[in-house]
Amino acid sequence: MTDTERLQELETLAKAANAAPAETLAKCDALIEDLVKARIAEGHDELSAHRHVLSDAHPVGSKLYKLSTQLSEQIAYQDRIFLG
């Protein structure tokens, strides 16, 4: 499965009404880490690998990062509303 296919699968999961934000967030973060590890395997150091994957220079990584951020905000909002 390509990175783009995995991203589409995650986006579909996130849009599903019964998708658990925490589960989607965990999958999203795991995919980001996979991309970083692949970049490190290419010879980049960890910091530059993270920066590249999370930047707009990496189309899949940047979308995953934005989705991760949105899910984190959603979870924080739900916790604040439901847990007081």
PDB file of N, CA and C in Angstrom:
ATOM      1  N   MET A   1       0.852  -1.168   0.000  1.00  0.00           N
ATOM      2  CA  MET A   1       0.000   0.000   0.000  1.00  0.00           C
ATOM      3  C   MET A   1       0.905   1.240   0.000  1.00  0.00           C
ATOM      4  N   THR A   2       0.637   2.169  -0.869  1.00  0.00           N
ATOM      5  CA  THR A   2       1.452   3.384  -0.959  1.00  0.00           C
ATOM      6  C   THR A   2       1.075   4.361   0.146  1.00  0.00           C
ATOM      7  N   ASP A   3       1.934   5.350   0.357  1.00  0.00           N
ATOM      8  CA  ASP A   3       1.668   6.367   1.370  1.00  0.00           C
ATOM      9  C   ASP A   3       0.378   7.115   1.065  1.00  0.00           C
ATOM     10  N   THR A   4       0.150   7.393  -0.197  1.00  0.00           N
ATOM     11  CA  THR A   4      -1.054   8.113  -0.596  1.00  0.00           C
ATOM     12  C   THR A   4      -2.304   7.282  -0.308  1.00  0.00           C
ATOM     13  N   GLU A   5      -2.237   5.995  -0.582  1.00  0.00           N
ATOM     14  CA  GLU A   5      -3.375   5.113  -0.300  1.00  0.00           C
ATOM     15  C   GLU A   5      -3.632   5.038   1.201  1.00  0.00           C
ATOM     16  N   ARG A   6      -2.557   4.999   1.982  1.00  0.00           N
ATOM     17  CA  ARG A   6      -2.701   4.952   3.429  1.00  0.00           C
ATOM     18  C   ARG A   6      -3.313   6.252   3.943  1.00  0.00           C
ATOM     19  N   LEU A   7      -2.910   7.368   3.356  1.00  0.00           N
ATOM     20  CA  LEU A   7      -3.479   8.665   3.735  1.00  0.00           C
ATOM     21  C   LEU A   7      -4.967   8.707   3.410  1.00  0.00           C
ATOM     22  N   GLN A   8      -5.340   8.239   2.227  1.00  0.00           N
ATOM     23  CA  GLN A   8      -6.753   8.220   1.846  1.00  0.00           C
ATOM     24  C   GLN A   8      -7.557   7.336   2.787  1.00  0.00           C
ATOM     25  N   GLU A   9      -6.985   6.212   3.179  1.00  0.00           N
ATOM     26  CA  GLU A   9      -7.660   5.324   4.114  1.00  0.00           C
ATOM     27  C   GLU A   9      -7.876   6.021   5.456  1.00  0.00           C
ATOM     28  N   LEU A  10      -6.869   6.742   5.922  1.00  0.00           N
ATOM     29  CA  LEU A  10      -7.007   7.474   7.175  1.00  0.00           C
ATOM     30  C   LEU A  10      -8.031   8.589   7.076  1.00  0.00           C
ATOM     31  N   GLU A  11      -8.033   9.305   5.973  1.00  0.00           N
ATOM     32  CA  GLU A  11      -9.005  10.385   5.797  1.00  0.00           C
ATOM     33  C   GLU A  11     -10.422   9.831   5.785  1.00  0.00           C
ATOM     34  N   THR A  12     -10.615   8.703   5.141  1.00  0.00           N
ATOM     35  CA  THR A  12     -11.929   8.064   5.116  1.00  0.00           C
ATOM     36  C   THR A  12     -12.338   7.647   6.519  1.00  0.00           C
ATOM     37  N   LEU A  13     -11.391   7.077   7.248  1.00  0.00           N
ATOM     38  CA  LEU A  13     -11.661   6.660   8.619  1.00  0.00           C
ATOM     39  C   LEU A  13     -12.012   7.859   9.493  1.00  0.00           C
ATOM     40  N   ALA A  14     -11.284   8.954   9.330  1.00  0.00           N
ATOM     41  CA  ALA A  14     -11.532  10.154  10.136  1.00  0.00           C
ATOM     42  C   ALA A  14     -12.893  10.757   9.849  1.00  0.00           C
ATOM     43  N   LYS A  15     -13.351  10.638   8.609  1.00  0.00           N
ATOM     44  CA  LYS A  15     -14.638  11.218   8.228  1.00  0.00           C
ATOM     45  C   LYS A  15     -15.818  10.341   8.639  1.00  0.00           C
ATOM     46  N   ALA A  16     -15.560   9.089   8.879  1.00  0.00           N
ATOM     47  CA  ALA A  16     -16.650   8.189   9.254  1.00  0.00           C
ATOM     48  C   ALA A  16     -17.255   8.638  10.583  1.00  0.00           C
ATOM     49  N   ALA A  17     -18.542   8.592  10.663  1.00  0.00           N
ATOM     50  CA  ALA A  17     -19.240   9.091  11.850  1.00  0.00           C
ATOM     51  C   ALA A  17     -18.862   8.332  13.114  1.00  0.00           C
ATOM     52  N   ASN A  18     -18.566   7.061  12.981  1.00  0.00           N
ATOM     53  CA  ASN A  18     -18.262   6.268  14.165  1.00  0.00           C
ATOM     54  C   ASN A  18     -16.768   6.079  14.395  1.00  0.00           C
ATOM     55  N   ALA A  19     -15.939   6.839  13.704  1.00  0.00           N
ATOM     56  CA  ALA A  19     -14.488   6.717  13.880  1.00  0.00           C
ATOM     57  C   ALA A  19     -14.074   7.302  15.216  1.00  0.00           C
ATOM     58  N   ALA A  20     -13.278   6.561  15.923  1.00  0.00           N
ATOM     59  CA  ALA A  20     -12.767   7.035  17.208  1.00  0.00           C
ATOM     60  C   ALA A  20     -11.560   7.926  16.957  1.00  0.00           C
ATOM     61  N   PRO A  21     -11.616   9.185  17.391  1.00  0.00           N
ATOM     62  CA  PRO A  21     -10.508  10.110  17.135  1.00  0.00           C
ATOM     63  C   PRO A  21      -9.169   9.609  17.687  1.00  0.00           C
ATOM     64  N   ALA A  22      -9.179   8.998  18.848  1.00  0.00           N
ATOM     65  CA  ALA A  22      -7.924   8.529  19.451  1.00  0.00           C
ATOM     66  C   ALA A  22      -7.289   7.421  18.611  1.00  0.00           C
ATOM     67  N   GLU A  23      -8.114   6.529  18.097  1.00  0.00           N
ATOM     68  CA  GLU A  23      -7.614   5.435  17.255  1.00  0.00           C
ATOM     69  C   GLU A  23      -7.041   5.995  15.949  1.00  0.00           C
ATOM     70  N   THR A  24      -7.749   6.916  15.357  1.00  0.00           N
ATOM     71  CA  THR A  24      -7.288   7.535  14.111  1.00  0.00           C
ATOM     72  C   THR A  24      -6.002   8.312  14.358  1.00  0.00           C
ATOM     73  N   LEU A  25      -5.933   9.017  15.476  1.00  0.00           N
ATOM     74  CA  LEU A  25      -4.735   9.776  15.823  1.00  0.00           C
ATOM     75  C   LEU A  25      -3.528   8.850  15.982  1.00  0.00           C
ATOM     76  N   ALA A  26      -3.726   7.723  16.628  1.00  0.00           N
ATOM     77  CA  ALA A  26      -2.629   6.765  16.812  1.00  0.00           C
ATOM     78  C   ALA A  26      -2.129   6.235  15.468  1.00  0.00           C
ATOM     79  N   LYS A  27      -3.058   5.940  14.569  1.00  0.00           N
ATOM     80  CA  LYS A  27      -2.668   5.451  13.244  1.00  0.00           C
ATOM     81  C   LYS A  27      -1.938   6.543  12.466  1.00  0.00           C
ATOM     82  N   CYS A  28      -2.424   7.739  12.586  1.00  0.00           N
ATOM     83  CA  CYS A  28      -1.827   8.879  11.899  1.00  0.00           C
ATOM     84  C   CYS A  28      -0.391   9.095  12.386  1.00  0.00           C
ATOM     85  N   ASP A  29      -0.212   9.089  13.690  1.00  0.00           N
ATOM     86  CA  ASP A  29       1.121   9.276  14.263  1.00  0.00           C
ATOM     87  C   ASP A  29       2.062   8.142  13.868  1.00  0.00           C
ATOM     88  N   ALA A  30       1.546   6.921  13.791  1.00  0.00           N
ATOM     89  CA  ALA A  30       2.365   5.783  13.373  1.00  0.00           C
ATOM     90  C   ALA A  30       2.822   5.942  11.921  1.00  0.00           C
ATOM     91  N   LEU A  31       1.928   6.439  11.074  1.00  0.00           N
ATOM     92  CA  LEU A  31       2.302   6.667   9.680  1.00  0.00           C
ATOM     93  C   LEU A  31       3.358   7.760   9.558  1.00  0.00           C
ATOM     94  N   ILE A  32       3.231   8.790  10.360  1.00  0.00           N
ATOM     95  CA  ILE A  32       4.239   9.857  10.358  1.00  0.00           C
ATOM     96  C   ILE A  32       5.594   9.276  10.765  1.00  0.00           C
ATOM     97  N   GLU A  33       5.603   8.463  11.803  1.00  0.00           N
ATOM     98  CA  GLU A  33       6.857   7.856  12.252  1.00  0.00           C
ATOM     99  C   GLU A  33       7.445   6.936  11.185  1.00  0.00           C
ATOM    100  N   ASP A  34       6.598   6.217  10.454  1.00  0.00           N
ATOM    101  CA  ASP A  34       7.080   5.378   9.355  1.00  0.00           C
ATOM    102  C   ASP A  34       7.767   6.225   8.286  1.00  0.00           C
ATOM    103  N   LEU A  35       7.179   7.368   7.977  1.00  0.00           N
ATOM    104  CA  LEU A  35       7.768   8.264   6.981  1.00  0.00           C
ATOM    105  C   LEU A  35       9.106   8.820   7.466  1.00  0.00           C
ATOM    106  N   VAL A  36       9.174   9.142   8.751  1.00  0.00           N
ATOM    107  CA  VAL A  36      10.421   9.655   9.323  1.00  0.00           C
ATOM    108  C   VAL A  36      11.500   8.566   9.285  1.00  0.00           C
ATOM    109  N   LYS A  37      11.132   7.358   9.654  1.00  0.00           N
ATOM    110  CA  LYS A  37      12.097   6.250   9.627  1.00  0.00           C
ATOM    111  C   LYS A  37      12.609   5.999   8.215  1.00  0.00           C
ATOM    112  N   ALA A  38      11.726   6.110   7.242  1.00  0.00           N
ATOM    113  CA  ALA A  38      12.146   5.926   5.843  1.00  0.00           C
ATOM    114  C   ALA A  38      13.136   7.011   5.444  1.00  0.00           C
ATOM    115  N   ARG A  39      12.892   8.213   5.904  1.00  0.00           N
ATOM    116  CA  ARG A  39      13.792   9.335   5.596  1.00  0.00           C
ATOM    117  C   ARG A  39      15.151   9.139   6.284  1.00  0.00           C
ATOM    118  N   ILE A  40      15.135   8.648   7.503  1.00  0.00           N
ATOM    119  CA  ILE A  40      16.375   8.358   8.227  1.00  0.00           C
ATOM    120  C   ILE A  40      17.153   7.256   7.510  1.00  0.00           C
ATOM    121  N   ALA A  41      16.433   6.258   7.005  1.00  0.00           N
ATOM    122  CA  ALA A  41      17.069   5.164   6.267  1.00  0.00           C
ATOM    123  C   ALA A  41      17.759   5.665   4.998  1.00  0.00           C
ATOM    124  N   GLU A  42      17.297   6.798   4.482  1.00  0.00           N
ATOM    125  CA  GLU A  42      17.915   7.402   3.303  1.00  0.00           C
ATOM    126  C   GLU A  42      19.186   8.165   3.654  1.00  0.00           C
ATOM    127  N   GLY A  43      19.504   8.261   4.957  1.00  0.00           N
ATOM    128  CA  GLY A  43      20.739   8.911   5.369  1.00  0.00           C
ATOM    129  C   GLY A  43      20.577  10.254   6.042  1.00  0.00           C
ATOM    130  N   HIS A  44      19.357  10.681   6.287  1.00  0.00           N
ATOM    131  CA  HIS A  44      19.115  11.969   6.946  1.00  0.00           C
ATOM    132  C   HIS A  44      19.126  11.762   8.455  1.00  0.00           C
ATOM    133  N   ASP A  45      19.508  12.816   9.192  1.00  0.00           N
ATOM    134  CA  ASP A  45      19.457  12.702  10.653  1.00  0.00           C
ATOM    135  C   ASP A  45      17.999  12.837  11.107  1.00  0.00           C
ATOM    136  N   GLU A  46      17.765  12.477  12.368  1.00  0.00           N
ATOM    137  CA  GLU A  46      16.389  12.409  12.869  1.00  0.00           C
ATOM    138  C   GLU A  46      15.682  13.765  12.832  1.00  0.00           C
ATOM    139  N   LEU A  47      16.372  14.813  13.239  1.00  0.00           N
ATOM    140  CA  LEU A  47      15.756  16.136  13.263  1.00  0.00           C
ATOM    141  C   LEU A  47      15.361  16.610  11.865  1.00  0.00           C
ATOM    142  N   SER A  48      16.271  16.474  10.910  1.00  0.00           N
ATOM    143  CA  SER A  48      15.941  16.923   9.550  1.00  0.00           C
ATOM    144  C   SER A  48      14.868  16.038   8.930  1.00  0.00           C
ATOM    145  N   ALA A  49      14.856  14.758   9.297  1.00  0.00           N
ATOM    146  CA  ALA A  49      13.814  13.855   8.796  1.00  0.00           C
ATOM    147  C   ALA A  49      12.441  14.302   9.299  1.00  0.00           C
ATOM    148  N   HIS A  50      12.352  14.614  10.595  1.00  0.00           N
ATOM    149  CA  HIS A  50      11.084  15.095  11.153  1.00  0.00           C
ATOM    150  C   HIS A  50      10.659  16.410  10.503  1.00  0.00           C
ATOM    151  N   ARG A  51      11.602  17.317  10.381  1.00  0.00           N
ATOM    152  CA  ARG A  51      11.274  18.616   9.784  1.00  0.00           C
ATOM    153  C   ARG A  51      10.755  18.463   8.358  1.00  0.00           C
ATOM    154  N   HIS A  52      11.408  17.605   7.580  1.00  0.00           N
ATOM    155  CA  HIS A  52      10.997  17.426   6.185  1.00  0.00           C
ATOM    156  C   HIS A  52       9.610  16.785   6.104  1.00  0.00           C
ATOM    157  N   VAL A  53       9.395  15.725   6.867  1.00  0.00           N
ATOM    158  CA  VAL A  53       8.120  14.995   6.803  1.00  0.00           C
ATOM    159  C   VAL A  53       6.957  15.875   7.256  1.00  0.00           C
ATOM    160  N   LEU A  54       7.184  16.723   8.239  1.00  0.00           N
ATOM    161  CA  LEU A  54       6.103  17.563   8.768  1.00  0.00           C
ATOM    162  C   LEU A  54       5.917  18.864   7.998  1.00  0.00           C
ATOM    163  N   SER A  55       6.804  19.136   7.054  1.00  0.00           N
ATOM    164  CA  SER A  55       6.706  20.379   6.287  1.00  0.00           C
ATOM    165  C   SER A  55       5.873  20.179   5.025  1.00  0.00           C
ATOM    166  N   ASP A  56       5.589  21.287   4.378  1.00  0.00           N
ATOM    167  CA  ASP A  56       4.840  21.232   3.122  1.00  0.00           C
ATOM    168  C   ASP A  56       5.653  20.620   1.993  1.00  0.00           C
ATOM    169  N   ALA A  57       6.956  20.424   2.199  1.00  0.00           N
ATOM    170  CA  ALA A  57       7.804  19.798   1.183  1.00  0.00           C
ATOM    171  C   ALA A  57       7.444  18.327   0.992  1.00  0.00           C
ATOM    172  N   HIS A  58       6.806  17.726   1.987  1.00  0.00           N
ATOM    173  CA  HIS A  58       6.388  16.326   1.906  1.00  0.00           C
ATOM    174  C   HIS A  58       4.867  16.303   1.908  1.00  0.00           C
ATOM    175  N   PRO A  59       4.238  16.118   0.737  1.00  0.00           N
ATOM    176  CA  PRO A  59       2.776  16.265   0.652  1.00  0.00           C
ATOM    177  C   PRO A  59       1.991  15.312   1.554  1.00  0.00           C
ATOM    178  N   VAL A  60       2.404  14.068   1.648  1.00  0.00           N
ATOM    179  CA  VAL A  60       1.675  13.112   2.481  1.00  0.00           C
ATOM    180  C   VAL A  60       1.932  13.406   3.957  1.00  0.00           C
ATOM    181  N   GLY A  61       3.189  13.616   4.301  1.00  0.00           N
ATOM    182  CA  GLY A  61       3.533  13.896   5.695  1.00  0.00           C
ATOM    183  C   GLY A  61       2.862  15.143   6.220  1.00  0.00           C
ATOM    184  N   SER A  62       2.811  16.195   5.411  1.00  0.00           N
ATOM    185  CA  SER A  62       2.177  17.438   5.870  1.00  0.00           C
ATOM    186  C   SER A  62       0.674  17.251   6.074  1.00  0.00           C
ATOM    187  N   LYS A  63       0.037  16.477   5.214  1.00  0.00           N
ATOM    188  CA  LYS A  63      -1.401  16.218   5.397  1.00  0.00           C
ATOM    189  C   LYS A  63      -1.645  15.382   6.647  1.00  0.00           C
ATOM    190  N   LEU A  64      -0.778  14.389   6.870  1.00  0.00           N
ATOM    191  CA  LEU A  64      -0.911  13.579   8.085  1.00  0.00           C
ATOM    192  C   LEU A  64      -0.724  14.445   9.333  1.00  0.00           C
ATOM    193  N   TYR A  65       0.239  15.354   9.274  1.00  0.00           N
ATOM    194  CA  TYR A  65       0.490  16.241  10.406  1.00  0.00           C
ATOM    195  C   TYR A  65      -0.720  17.136  10.674  1.00  0.00           C
ATOM    196  N   LYS A  66      -1.307  17.687   9.629  1.00  0.00           N
ATOM    197  CA  LYS A  66      -2.491  18.540   9.793  1.00  0.00           C
ATOM    198  C   LYS A  66      -3.661  17.737  10.356  1.00  0.00           C
ATOM    199  N   LEU A  67      -3.836  16.519   9.856  1.00  0.00           N
ATOM    200  CA  LEU A  67      -4.901  15.656  10.364  1.00  0.00           C
ATOM    201  C   LEU A  67      -4.643  15.319  11.835  1.00  0.00           C
ATOM    202  N   SER A  68      -3.410  15.030  12.172  1.00  0.00           N
ATOM    203  CA  SER A  68      -3.037  14.726  13.552  1.00  0.00           C
ATOM    204  C   SER A  68      -3.338  15.899  14.476  1.00  0.00           C
ATOM    205  N   THR A  69      -3.011  17.093  14.018  1.00  0.00           N
ATOM    206  CA  THR A  69      -3.265  18.301  14.802  1.00  0.00           C
ATOM    207  C   THR A  69      -4.770  18.507  15.009  1.00  0.00           C
ATOM    208  N   GLN A  70      -5.546  18.324  13.959  1.00  0.00           N
ATOM    209  CA  GLN A  70      -6.996  18.479  14.062  1.00  0.00           C
ATOM    210  C   GLN A  70      -7.590  17.454  15.028  1.00  0.00           C
ATOM    211  N   LEU A  71      -7.118  16.227  14.942  1.00  0.00           N
ATOM    212  CA  LEU A  71      -7.628  15.188  15.832  1.00  0.00           C
ATOM    213  C   LEU A  71      -7.260  15.467  17.281  1.00  0.00           C
ATOM    214  N   SER A  72      -6.048  15.953  17.506  1.00  0.00           N
ATOM    215  CA  SER A  72      -5.624  16.305  18.870  1.00  0.00           C
ATOM    216  C   SER A  72      -6.509  17.406  19.439  1.00  0.00           C
ATOM    217  N   GLU A  73      -6.806  18.402  18.606  1.00  0.00           N
ATOM    218  CA  GLU A  73      -7.679  19.485  19.040  1.00  0.00           C
ATOM    219  C   GLU A  73      -9.084  18.971  19.324  1.00  0.00           C
ATOM    220  N   GLN A  74      -9.571  18.073  18.478  1.00  0.00           N
ATOM    221  CA  GLN A  74     -10.907  17.502  18.674  1.00  0.00           C
ATOM    222  C   GLN A  74     -10.976  16.718  19.982  1.00  0.00           C
ATOM    223  N   ILE A  75      -9.961  15.929  20.249  1.00  0.00           N
ATOM    224  CA  ILE A  75      -9.933  15.133  21.479  1.00  0.00           C
ATOM    225  C   ILE A  75      -9.880  16.055  22.698  1.00  0.00           C
ATOM    226  N   ALA A  76      -9.054  17.097  22.628  1.00  0.00           N
ATOM    227  CA  ALA A  76      -8.949  18.051  23.742  1.00  0.00           C
ATOM    228  C   ALA A  76     -10.283  18.754  23.978  1.00  0.00           C
ATOM    229  N   TYR A  77     -10.966  19.130  22.899  1.00  0.00           N
ATOM    230  CA  TYR A  77     -12.267  19.782  23.016  1.00  0.00           C
ATOM    231  C   TYR A  77     -13.288  18.841  23.651  1.00  0.00           C
ATOM    232  N   GLN A  78     -13.310  17.596  23.168  1.00  0.00           N
ATOM    233  CA  GLN A  78     -14.256  16.627  23.721  1.00  0.00           C
ATOM    234  C   GLN A  78     -13.977  16.364  25.210  1.00  0.00           C
ATOM    235  N   ASP A  79     -12.708  16.276  25.555  1.00  0.00           N
ATOM    236  CA  ASP A  79     -12.361  16.068  26.962  1.00  0.00           C
ATOM    237  C   ASP A  79     -12.836  17.235  27.809  1.00  0.00           C
ATOM    238  N   ARG A  80     -12.644  18.442  27.294  1.00  0.00           N
ATOM    239  CA  ARG A  80     -13.040  19.640  28.044  1.00  0.00           C
ATOM    240  C   ARG A  80     -14.557  19.702  28.206  1.00  0.00           C
ATOM    241  N   ILE A  81     -15.289  19.362  27.143  1.00  0.00           N
ATOM    242  CA  ILE A  81     -16.746  19.424  27.189  1.00  0.00           C
ATOM    243  C   ILE A  81     -17.337  18.312  28.046  1.00  0.00           C
ATOM    244  N   PHE A  82     -16.877  17.080  27.796  1.00  0.00           N
ATOM    245  CA  PHE A  82     -17.485  15.932  28.459  1.00  0.00           C
ATOM    246  C   PHE A  82     -16.938  15.664  29.859  1.00  0.00           C
ATOM    247  N   LEU A  83     -15.706  16.065  30.100  1.00  0.00           N
ATOM    248  CA  LEU A  83     -15.126  15.792  31.411  1.00  0.00           C
ATOM    249  C   LEU A  83     -15.109  17.020  32.303  1.00  0.00           C
ATOM    250  N   GLY A  84     -15.500  18.135  31.736  1.00  0.00           N
ATOM    251  CA  GLY A  84     -15.630  19.370  32.507  1.00  0.00           C
ATOM    252  C   GLY A  84     -14.321  19.954  32.806  1.00  0.00           C
TER     253      GLY A  84
END
